[in-house]
Protein backbone atom coordinates (compact mmCIF):
# COMPACT_ATOMS: atom_id res chain seq x y z
CA UNK A 1 -30.98 -91.73 -5.37
CA UNK A 2 -27.61 -89.98 -5.63
CA UNK A 3 -26.21 -92.95 -7.58
CA UNK A 4 -29.14 -92.76 -10.00
CA UNK A 5 -28.74 -89.02 -10.52
CA UNK A 6 -25.01 -89.49 -11.02
CA UNK A 7 -25.60 -92.23 -13.58
CA UNK A 8 -28.03 -90.02 -15.51
CA UNK A 9 -25.78 -86.95 -15.37
CA UNK A 10 -22.56 -88.78 -16.29
CA UNK A 11 -24.42 -90.89 -18.83
CA UNK A 12 -25.63 -87.71 -20.53
CA UNK A 13 -22.01 -86.58 -20.94
CA UNK A 14 -21.02 -89.94 -22.45
CA UNK A 15 -24.05 -89.88 -24.75
CA UNK A 16 -23.11 -86.39 -25.92
CA UNK A 17 -19.58 -87.60 -26.64
CA UNK A 18 -20.95 -90.45 -28.76
CA UNK A 19 -23.29 -88.14 -30.67
CA UNK A 20 -20.41 -85.77 -31.46
CA UNK A 21 -18.46 -88.78 -32.70
CA UNK A 22 -21.12 -89.32 -35.39
CA UNK A 23 -20.03 -86.08 -37.07
CA UNK A 24 -16.41 -87.20 -37.01
CA UNK A 25 -17.15 -90.60 -38.55
CA UNK A 26 -19.82 -89.80 -41.17
CA UNK A 27 -19.24 -93.12 -42.96
CA UNK A 28 -21.12 -94.91 -40.16
CA UNK A 29 -24.06 -92.55 -40.56
CA UNK A 30 -24.12 -93.12 -44.31
CA UNK A 31 -24.30 -96.90 -43.73
CA UNK A 32 -27.11 -96.43 -41.21
CA UNK A 33 -29.12 -94.39 -43.71
CA UNK A 34 -28.39 -96.34 -46.90
CA UNK A 35 -28.80 -99.94 -45.71
CA UNK A 36 -32.50 -99.57 -44.73
CA UNK A 37 -33.28 -98.18 -48.19
CA UNK A 38 -31.50 -101.10 -49.81
CA UNK A 39 -33.40 -103.67 -47.73
CA UNK A 40 -36.79 -102.09 -48.45
CA UNK A 41 -36.18 -101.82 -52.18
CA UNK A 42 -34.60 -105.29 -52.44
CA UNK A 43 -37.45 -107.15 -50.76
CA UNK A 44 -40.22 -104.97 -52.17
CA UNK A 45 -39.20 -105.25 -55.81
CA UNK A 46 -37.03 -108.39 -56.06
CA UNK A 47 -38.86 -110.79 -53.73
CA UNK A 48 -42.22 -109.09 -53.41
CA UNK A 49 -43.55 -110.44 -56.68
CA UNK A 50 -43.01 -114.07 -55.64
CA UNK A 51 -44.52 -113.89 -52.15
CA UNK A 52 -48.29 -113.79 -51.91
CA UNK A 53 -50.17 -112.28 -48.97
CA UNK A 54 -53.84 -113.30 -49.33
CA UNK A 55 -56.11 -110.28 -49.21
CA UNK A 56 -53.27 -107.82 -48.70
CA UNK A 57 -50.13 -106.19 -50.02
CA UNK A 58 -46.73 -107.78 -49.47
CA UNK A 59 -45.13 -104.34 -49.35
CA UNK A 60 -47.29 -103.38 -46.37
CA UNK A 61 -46.62 -106.77 -44.78
CA UNK A 62 -42.89 -106.36 -45.40
CA UNK A 63 -42.22 -103.03 -43.70
CA UNK A 64 -42.91 -104.24 -40.15
CA UNK A 65 -40.34 -107.00 -40.63
CA UNK A 66 -37.79 -104.63 -42.13
CA UNK A 67 -38.30 -102.27 -39.19
CA UNK A 68 -37.66 -105.07 -36.69
CA UNK A 69 -34.62 -106.44 -38.52
CA UNK A 70 -32.99 -103.04 -38.98
CA UNK A 71 -33.35 -101.81 -35.40
CA UNK A 72 -31.91 -105.09 -34.10
CA UNK A 73 -28.93 -104.83 -36.43
CA UNK A 74 -28.67 -101.18 -35.35
CA UNK A 75 -28.25 -102.34 -31.76
CA UNK A 76 -24.93 -103.93 -32.76
CA UNK A 77 -23.43 -100.43 -32.93
CA UNK A 78 -23.46 -100.49 -29.13
CA UNK A 79 -21.27 -103.59 -28.95
CA UNK A 80 -19.00 -102.46 -31.78
CA UNK A 81 -18.56 -99.01 -30.23
CA UNK A 82 -17.68 -100.45 -26.83
CA UNK A 83 -15.27 -102.98 -28.36
CA UNK A 84 -13.60 -100.15 -30.29
CA UNK A 85 -13.25 -98.06 -27.13
CA UNK A 86 -11.82 -101.11 -25.36
CA UNK A 87 -9.16 -101.53 -28.05
CA UNK A 88 -8.19 -97.86 -27.91
CA UNK A 89 -7.97 -97.77 -24.12
CA UNK A 90 -10.82 -95.29 -23.72
CA UNK A 91 -12.74 -97.65 -21.44
CA UNK A 92 -9.73 -97.84 -19.10
CA UNK A 93 -9.73 -94.05 -19.04
CA UNK A 94 -13.43 -93.99 -18.14
CA UNK A 95 -12.81 -96.49 -15.35
CA UNK A 96 -10.19 -94.19 -13.83
CA UNK A 97 -12.51 -91.17 -13.72
CA UNK A 98 -14.74 -90.28 -10.74
CA UNK A 99 -17.96 -91.16 -12.54
CA UNK A 100 -20.82 -93.59 -12.03
CA UNK A 101 -19.95 -97.19 -12.92
CA UNK A 102 -23.02 -97.43 -15.14
CA UNK A 103 -22.61 -94.03 -16.85
CA UNK A 104 -20.58 -95.25 -19.80
CA UNK A 105 -23.05 -98.03 -20.57
CA UNK A 106 -26.12 -95.82 -20.02
CA UNK A 107 -24.68 -93.15 -22.30
CA UNK A 108 -23.61 -95.64 -24.95
CA UNK A 109 -26.95 -97.44 -25.17
CA UNK A 110 -28.93 -94.19 -25.06
CA UNK A 111 -26.92 -92.44 -27.77
CA UNK A 112 -27.21 -95.40 -30.11
CA UNK A 113 -30.99 -95.01 -30.06
CA UNK A 114 -30.32 -92.06 -32.38
CA UNK A 115 -29.04 -94.43 -35.07
CA UNK A 116 -32.25 -96.40 -34.90
CA UNK A 117 -34.43 -93.28 -34.94
CA UNK A 118 -32.71 -92.14 -38.14
CA UNK A 119 -33.06 -95.62 -39.65
CA UNK A 120 -36.78 -95.75 -38.87
CA UNK A 121 -37.35 -92.32 -40.40
CA UNK A 122 -35.54 -93.29 -43.60
CA UNK A 123 -37.32 -96.67 -43.79
CA UNK A 124 -40.71 -95.09 -43.19
CA UNK A 125 -40.17 -92.57 -45.98
CA UNK A 126 -38.91 -95.29 -48.33
CA UNK A 127 -41.84 -97.49 -47.38
CA UNK A 128 -44.30 -94.72 -48.20
CA UNK A 129 -42.70 -94.44 -51.62
CA UNK A 130 -43.08 -98.18 -52.38
CA UNK A 131 -46.69 -98.34 -51.17
CA UNK A 132 -46.64 -98.83 -47.39
CA UNK A 133 -49.38 -97.02 -45.46
CA UNK A 134 -50.45 -96.61 -41.83
CA UNK A 135 -54.13 -97.33 -41.23
CA UNK A 136 -54.62 -97.19 -37.44
CA UNK A 137 -54.07 -93.53 -36.63
CA UNK A 138 -51.35 -91.43 -35.05
CA UNK A 139 -51.43 -92.85 -31.51
CA UNK A 140 -50.99 -96.48 -32.54
CA UNK A 141 -48.35 -95.45 -35.07
CA UNK A 142 -46.33 -93.75 -32.32
CA UNK A 143 -46.79 -96.75 -30.04
CA UNK A 144 -45.49 -99.02 -32.81
CA UNK A 145 -42.34 -96.95 -33.26
CA UNK A 146 -41.77 -96.66 -29.49
CA UNK A 147 -42.09 -100.44 -29.12
CA UNK A 148 -39.55 -101.03 -31.90
CA UNK A 149 -37.08 -98.56 -30.40
CA UNK A 150 -37.52 -99.91 -26.87
CA UNK A 151 -36.94 -103.47 -28.05
CA UNK A 152 -33.79 -102.35 -29.87
CA UNK A 153 -32.64 -100.51 -26.75
CA UNK A 154 -33.06 -103.68 -24.70
CA UNK A 155 -31.15 -105.66 -27.32
CA UNK A 156 -28.34 -103.10 -27.18
CA UNK A 157 -27.69 -104.16 -23.57
CA UNK A 158 -26.96 -107.67 -24.81
CA UNK A 159 -24.52 -106.21 -27.31
CA UNK A 160 -22.98 -103.99 -24.62
CA UNK A 161 -22.20 -107.05 -22.54
CA UNK A 162 -20.73 -108.85 -25.54
CA UNK A 163 -18.70 -105.75 -26.43
CA UNK A 164 -17.07 -105.86 -22.99
CA UNK A 165 -16.14 -109.53 -23.48
CA UNK A 166 -14.68 -109.71 -26.98
CA UNK A 167 -11.17 -108.54 -27.95
CA UNK A 168 -11.99 -106.58 -31.13
CA UNK A 169 -14.64 -104.95 -33.30
CA UNK A 170 -14.16 -107.64 -35.96
CA UNK A 171 -15.06 -110.38 -33.49
CA UNK A 172 -18.28 -108.69 -32.38
CA UNK A 173 -19.30 -107.97 -35.97
CA UNK A 174 -18.86 -111.61 -36.94
CA UNK A 175 -20.44 -112.97 -33.77
CA UNK A 176 -23.46 -110.67 -33.95
CA UNK A 177 -24.01 -111.51 -37.62
CA UNK A 178 -23.99 -115.25 -36.85
CA UNK A 179 -26.63 -114.79 -34.14
CA UNK A 180 -28.81 -111.96 -35.43
CA UNK A 181 -29.03 -113.12 -39.04
CA UNK A 182 -30.85 -116.42 -38.28
CA UNK A 183 -32.80 -114.78 -35.44
CA UNK A 184 -34.29 -112.23 -37.84
CA UNK A 185 -34.87 -114.62 -40.75
CA UNK A 186 -36.35 -117.58 -38.82
CA UNK A 187 -39.27 -115.37 -37.94
CA UNK A 188 -42.29 -113.79 -39.55
CA UNK A 189 -40.25 -110.83 -40.73
CA UNK A 190 -40.42 -111.62 -44.46
CA UNK A 191 -42.89 -114.51 -44.73
CA UNK A 192 -45.82 -115.55 -42.50
CA UNK A 193 -44.68 -117.89 -39.72
CA UNK A 194 -47.23 -120.51 -40.78
CA UNK A 195 -45.37 -120.88 -44.10
CA UNK A 196 -42.35 -122.30 -42.27
CA UNK A 197 -42.03 -126.06 -41.72
CA UNK A 198 -42.12 -127.97 -38.42
CA UNK A 199 -39.52 -126.92 -35.86
CA UNK A 200 -38.74 -123.70 -37.72
CA UNK A 201 -42.37 -122.61 -37.45
CA UNK A 202 -42.41 -123.27 -33.69
CA UNK A 203 -39.16 -121.35 -33.25
CA UNK A 204 -40.52 -118.47 -35.34
CA UNK A 205 -43.76 -118.30 -33.34
CA UNK A 206 -41.89 -117.96 -30.02
CA UNK A 207 -39.09 -115.80 -31.43
CA UNK A 208 -39.30 -112.28 -29.90
CA UNK A 209 -38.40 -110.83 -33.30
CA UNK A 210 -41.66 -112.30 -34.59
CA UNK A 211 -43.65 -110.76 -31.76
CA UNK A 212 -42.25 -107.26 -32.22
CA UNK A 213 -42.86 -107.60 -35.97
CA UNK A 214 -46.42 -108.80 -35.39
CA UNK A 215 -47.01 -105.97 -32.92
CA UNK A 216 -45.76 -103.38 -35.41
CA UNK A 217 -48.01 -104.75 -38.15
CA UNK A 218 -51.04 -104.72 -35.87
CA UNK A 219 -50.36 -101.20 -34.60
CA UNK A 220 -49.72 -99.86 -38.11
CA UNK A 221 -52.78 -101.67 -39.47
CA UNK A 222 -50.77 -103.70 -41.97
CA UNK A 223 -52.49 -107.07 -41.46
CA UNK A 224 -55.00 -107.63 -44.28
CA UNK A 225 -58.68 -108.26 -43.44
CA UNK A 226 -59.43 -111.92 -42.92
CA UNK A 227 -55.91 -112.80 -41.76
CA UNK A 228 -56.19 -116.04 -39.72
CA UNK A 229 -55.76 -115.66 -35.97
CA UNK A 230 -52.31 -116.90 -34.90
CA UNK A 231 -52.32 -120.17 -32.97
CA UNK A 232 -49.28 -119.41 -30.79
CA UNK A 233 -49.74 -117.27 -27.66
CA UNK A 234 -46.83 -114.87 -28.42
CA UNK A 235 -48.35 -113.88 -31.76
CA UNK A 236 -51.83 -113.62 -30.23
CA UNK A 237 -50.44 -111.17 -27.65
CA UNK A 238 -47.46 -109.63 -29.46
CA UNK A 239 -47.28 -106.34 -27.55
CA UNK A 240 -47.38 -108.03 -24.14
CA UNK A 241 -44.89 -110.72 -25.19
CA UNK A 242 -42.51 -108.08 -26.56
CA UNK A 243 -42.74 -106.00 -23.37
CA UNK A 244 -41.98 -109.11 -21.30
CA UNK A 245 -38.85 -109.75 -23.38
CA UNK A 246 -37.79 -106.09 -23.03
CA UNK A 247 -38.05 -106.25 -19.24
CA UNK A 248 -36.31 -109.63 -18.99
CA UNK A 249 -33.41 -108.62 -21.28
CA UNK A 250 -32.74 -105.34 -19.47
CA UNK A 251 -33.13 -106.96 -16.04
CA UNK A 252 -30.51 -109.58 -16.94
CA UNK A 253 -28.00 -107.83 -19.16
CA UNK A 254 -27.90 -104.32 -17.66
CA UNK A 255 -26.58 -105.61 -14.28
CA UNK A 256 -24.28 -108.10 -16.04
CA UNK A 257 -22.83 -105.33 -18.19
CA UNK A 258 -22.29 -102.96 -15.24
CA UNK A 259 -20.66 -105.76 -13.24
CA UNK A 260 -18.37 -106.67 -16.16
CA UNK A 261 -17.46 -103.00 -16.69
CA UNK A 262 -16.63 -102.51 -13.03
CA UNK A 263 -14.63 -105.75 -12.71
CA UNK A 264 -13.04 -106.45 -16.11
CA UNK A 265 -10.68 -109.18 -14.89
């Protein structure tokens, strides 16, 4: 119990330090706020006219996918921030202090949720401008946003572990792009999974990015009437499948990250 309280207390201090850092590096905040707007406008107006969603609006279909993609990319700030602190020797300083071993990682992952909250707010407002609407009420809307943020938080633990392994910010940016880009595009984020051929369709149906996207669309009421029932179990039960992935990712990568932080060699 004392270890848990210490982790929460020390983690709060680290989180506060990371939040203060946002004011000192406003360029990062500008990128966080501008990139979601660009994605929404790009897909809504450039690609939206060529993608047909029977019985519904592509712009409403799109926003759930943009939400999922953006919060996952937002999770990379965790890895980049840790890699930057590693380069500057700040992590070594943290290791020398009488603080919980998990505090730095708890604080880092928690504070980076703020980036994703800001991104979701900006995307939601932009989506409302281009025609996106929520049809299932306040409670399901809040559940949709909480699910997106929780999935991104879990993904940030993967990036935290990678950030402790790689030698520089440039490496983690390139590595995360190579993994996250196909993960978010071979999914139902921008086109229905059934439009994809063969192996790609199977991958998309079992891809957790697809399930969190499907869950968001269902909770926001963005699936048009008459949409065929998915044939794959993950898309039939997207909330449950997403929660399973959240638990599995945190259960694996949180201990790995703490162990790596405590024993860097």
